[in-house]
């Protein structure tokens, strides 16, 4: 068992999330959903967490968009 530098290091060098960075990421994710075929009005009404979940599953988004158009 070591007692060296790796166990004493703290996460002070990791950058903090800024509100501007979060907003930029949310805007990019919403644009990605619109490109996948969702309506821009529907995407505007969604919460940030719902957008984040849908961006992770593009195949599901395409199916939802196709179902909405039909």
N, C-alpha and C. Protein backbone atom coordinates (compact mmCIF):
# COMPACT_ATOMS: atom_id res chain seq x y z
N UNK A 1 0.84 -1.17 0.00
CA UNK A 1 0.00 0.00 0.00
C UNK A 1 0.89 1.23 0.00
N UNK A 2 0.61 2.14 -0.92
CA UNK A 2 1.46 3.32 -1.05
C UNK A 2 0.98 4.48 -0.18
N UNK A 3 1.90 5.35 0.12
CA UNK A 3 1.54 6.58 0.84
C UNK A 3 2.11 7.77 0.10
N UNK A 4 2.32 7.59 -1.20
CA UNK A 4 2.99 8.61 -1.99
C UNK A 4 2.05 9.72 -2.46
N UNK A 5 2.51 10.39 -3.48
CA UNK A 5 1.84 11.59 -3.99
C UNK A 5 0.43 11.29 -4.51
N UNK A 6 0.22 10.12 -5.08
CA UNK A 6 -1.08 9.83 -5.69
C UNK A 6 -2.20 9.81 -4.65
N UNK A 7 -1.88 9.47 -3.42
CA UNK A 7 -2.92 9.46 -2.40
C UNK A 7 -3.11 10.83 -1.76
N UNK A 8 -2.16 11.74 -1.94
CA UNK A 8 -2.27 13.07 -1.34
C UNK A 8 -2.86 14.10 -2.30
N UNK A 9 -2.94 13.76 -3.57
CA UNK A 9 -3.42 14.72 -4.56
C UNK A 9 -4.89 15.05 -4.33
N UNK A 10 -5.22 16.30 -4.52
CA UNK A 10 -6.61 16.72 -4.45
C UNK A 10 -7.03 17.25 -5.81
N UNK A 11 -8.30 17.39 -6.00
CA UNK A 11 -8.81 17.75 -7.32
C UNK A 11 -8.90 19.25 -7.50
N UNK A 12 -7.88 19.99 -7.07
CA UNK A 12 -7.91 21.44 -7.20
C UNK A 12 -7.62 21.90 -8.63
N UNK A 13 -7.02 21.06 -9.43
CA UNK A 13 -6.66 21.49 -10.77
C UNK A 13 -7.77 21.26 -11.78
N UNK A 14 -8.80 20.53 -11.39
CA UNK A 14 -9.89 20.26 -12.31
C UNK A 14 -10.74 21.53 -12.46
N UNK A 15 -11.04 21.95 -13.68
CA UNK A 15 -11.81 23.18 -13.86
C UNK A 15 -13.26 23.02 -13.41
N UNK A 16 -13.81 24.08 -12.87
CA UNK A 16 -15.20 24.08 -12.41
C UNK A 16 -16.13 24.33 -13.60
N UNK A 17 -17.33 23.79 -13.50
CA UNK A 17 -18.34 24.08 -14.52
C UNK A 17 -18.86 25.48 -14.30
N UNK A 18 -18.91 26.24 -15.36
CA UNK A 18 -19.43 27.60 -15.26
C UNK A 18 -20.84 27.65 -15.84
N UNK A 19 -21.65 28.57 -15.41
CA UNK A 19 -23.00 28.69 -15.98
C UNK A 19 -22.97 28.92 -17.50
N UNK A 20 -21.98 29.68 -17.98
CA UNK A 20 -21.89 29.92 -19.42
C UNK A 20 -21.57 28.62 -20.16
N UNK A 21 -20.71 27.81 -19.59
CA UNK A 21 -20.37 26.53 -20.22
C UNK A 21 -21.56 25.60 -20.26
N UNK A 22 -22.33 25.57 -19.18
CA UNK A 22 -23.53 24.72 -19.15
C UNK A 22 -24.55 25.19 -20.18
N UNK A 23 -24.74 26.50 -20.27
CA UNK A 23 -25.70 27.04 -21.24
C UNK A 23 -25.27 26.73 -22.66
N UNK A 24 -23.97 26.82 -22.92
CA UNK A 24 -23.44 26.51 -24.24
C UNK A 24 -23.69 25.05 -24.59
N UNK A 25 -23.47 24.16 -23.62
CA UNK A 25 -23.68 22.73 -23.84
C UNK A 25 -25.15 22.44 -24.08
N UNK A 26 -26.04 23.06 -23.28
CA UNK A 26 -27.47 22.84 -23.45
C UNK A 26 -27.95 23.31 -24.81
N UNK A 27 -27.45 24.45 -25.26
CA UNK A 27 -27.84 24.98 -26.56
C UNK A 27 -27.40 24.05 -27.69
N UNK A 28 -26.18 23.52 -27.57
CA UNK A 28 -25.67 22.60 -28.59
C UNK A 28 -26.48 21.31 -28.61
N UNK A 29 -26.86 20.80 -27.43
CA UNK A 29 -27.63 19.57 -27.37
C UNK A 29 -29.02 19.76 -27.95
N UNK A 30 -29.63 20.91 -27.69
CA UNK A 30 -30.95 21.19 -28.26
C UNK A 30 -30.87 21.29 -29.79
N UNK A 31 -29.81 21.91 -30.29
CA UNK A 31 -29.63 22.00 -31.74
C UNK A 31 -29.43 20.62 -32.34
N UNK A 32 -28.75 19.74 -31.62
CA UNK A 32 -28.54 18.38 -32.11
C UNK A 32 -29.86 17.63 -32.21
N UNK A 33 -30.76 17.83 -31.26
CA UNK A 33 -32.07 17.18 -31.33
C UNK A 33 -32.87 17.68 -32.52
N UNK A 34 -32.79 18.97 -32.79
CA UNK A 34 -33.51 19.53 -33.95
C UNK A 34 -32.96 18.95 -35.24
N UNK A 35 -31.64 18.78 -35.31
CA UNK A 35 -31.04 18.17 -36.51
C UNK A 35 -31.46 16.72 -36.68
N UNK A 36 -31.74 16.03 -35.57
CA UNK A 36 -32.17 14.64 -35.66
C UNK A 36 -33.62 14.51 -36.10
N UNK A 37 -34.35 15.65 -36.15
CA UNK A 37 -35.70 15.59 -36.71
C UNK A 37 -36.80 16.04 -35.78
N UNK A 38 -36.49 16.42 -34.56
CA UNK A 38 -37.53 16.88 -33.64
C UNK A 38 -37.93 18.31 -33.98
N UNK A 39 -39.13 18.69 -33.60
CA UNK A 39 -39.62 20.04 -33.82
C UNK A 39 -38.94 20.99 -32.84
N UNK A 40 -38.55 22.16 -33.32
CA UNK A 40 -37.84 23.13 -32.48
C UNK A 40 -38.73 23.60 -31.33
N UNK A 41 -40.03 23.72 -31.56
CA UNK A 41 -40.94 24.16 -30.50
C UNK A 41 -41.02 23.13 -29.37
N UNK A 42 -41.03 21.85 -29.75
CA UNK A 42 -41.07 20.79 -28.73
C UNK A 42 -39.79 20.76 -27.91
N UNK A 43 -38.67 20.98 -28.58
CA UNK A 43 -37.38 20.95 -27.90
C UNK A 43 -37.26 22.12 -26.92
N UNK A 44 -37.82 23.27 -27.28
CA UNK A 44 -37.77 24.44 -26.40
C UNK A 44 -38.51 24.19 -25.09
N UNK A 45 -39.59 23.42 -25.16
CA UNK A 45 -40.40 23.16 -23.97
C UNK A 45 -39.79 22.12 -23.04
N UNK A 46 -38.83 21.34 -23.52
CA UNK A 46 -38.21 20.29 -22.71
C UNK A 46 -37.27 20.86 -21.67
N UNK A 47 -37.11 20.12 -20.59
CA UNK A 47 -36.13 20.47 -19.57
C UNK A 47 -34.75 20.02 -19.98
N UNK A 48 -33.74 20.54 -19.29
CA UNK A 48 -32.36 20.23 -19.64
C UNK A 48 -32.05 18.74 -19.48
N UNK A 49 -32.58 18.14 -18.43
CA UNK A 49 -32.28 16.72 -18.18
C UNK A 49 -32.91 15.84 -19.25
N UNK A 50 -34.12 16.17 -19.66
CA UNK A 50 -34.79 15.38 -20.70
C UNK A 50 -34.03 15.48 -22.02
N UNK A 51 -33.54 16.67 -22.33
CA UNK A 51 -32.74 16.86 -23.54
C UNK A 51 -31.48 16.00 -23.46
N UNK A 52 -30.84 16.02 -22.31
CA UNK A 52 -29.60 15.27 -22.13
C UNK A 52 -29.82 13.77 -22.34
N UNK A 53 -30.95 13.26 -21.85
CA UNK A 53 -31.25 11.83 -22.00
C UNK A 53 -31.51 11.49 -23.46
N UNK A 54 -32.25 12.34 -24.16
CA UNK A 54 -32.57 12.05 -25.56
C UNK A 54 -31.35 12.15 -26.47
N UNK A 55 -30.44 13.05 -26.18
CA UNK A 55 -29.24 13.19 -27.01
C UNK A 55 -28.41 11.91 -26.96
N UNK A 56 -28.49 11.20 -25.86
CA UNK A 56 -27.71 9.97 -25.71
C UNK A 56 -28.26 8.83 -26.56
N UNK A 57 -29.51 8.95 -27.02
CA UNK A 57 -30.15 7.89 -27.79
C UNK A 57 -30.71 8.42 -29.11
N UNK A 58 -29.84 8.63 -30.11
CA UNK A 58 -30.30 9.22 -31.37
C UNK A 58 -31.29 8.34 -32.13
N UNK A 59 -31.19 7.02 -32.01
CA UNK A 59 -32.12 6.15 -32.71
C UNK A 59 -33.53 6.33 -32.18
N UNK A 60 -33.67 6.51 -30.88
CA UNK A 60 -34.98 6.73 -30.27
C UNK A 60 -35.55 8.07 -30.73
N UNK A 61 -34.69 9.07 -30.84
CA UNK A 61 -35.14 10.40 -31.27
C UNK A 61 -35.65 10.34 -32.70
N UNK A 62 -34.95 9.62 -33.56
CA UNK A 62 -35.40 9.50 -34.95
C UNK A 62 -36.75 8.81 -35.04
N UNK A 63 -36.96 7.78 -34.20
CA UNK A 63 -38.26 7.10 -34.20
C UNK A 63 -39.36 8.03 -33.71
N UNK A 64 -39.09 8.81 -32.67
CA UNK A 64 -40.08 9.75 -32.15
C UNK A 64 -40.42 10.81 -33.19
N UNK A 65 -39.40 11.29 -33.91
CA UNK A 65 -39.63 12.30 -34.92
C UNK A 65 -40.45 11.76 -36.08
N UNK A 66 -40.17 10.51 -36.47
CA UNK A 66 -40.93 9.90 -37.56
C UNK A 66 -42.38 9.68 -37.15
N UNK A 67 -42.58 9.28 -35.89
CA UNK A 67 -43.93 9.04 -35.39
C UNK A 67 -44.71 10.37 -35.33
N UNK A 68 -44.05 11.44 -34.97
CA UNK A 68 -44.71 12.75 -34.88
C UNK A 68 -45.10 13.27 -36.25
N UNK A 69 -44.28 13.00 -37.26
CA UNK A 69 -44.59 13.46 -38.62
C UNK A 69 -45.75 12.68 -39.22
N UNK A 70 -45.87 11.40 -38.84
CA UNK A 70 -46.94 10.55 -39.41
C UNK A 70 -48.28 10.79 -38.79
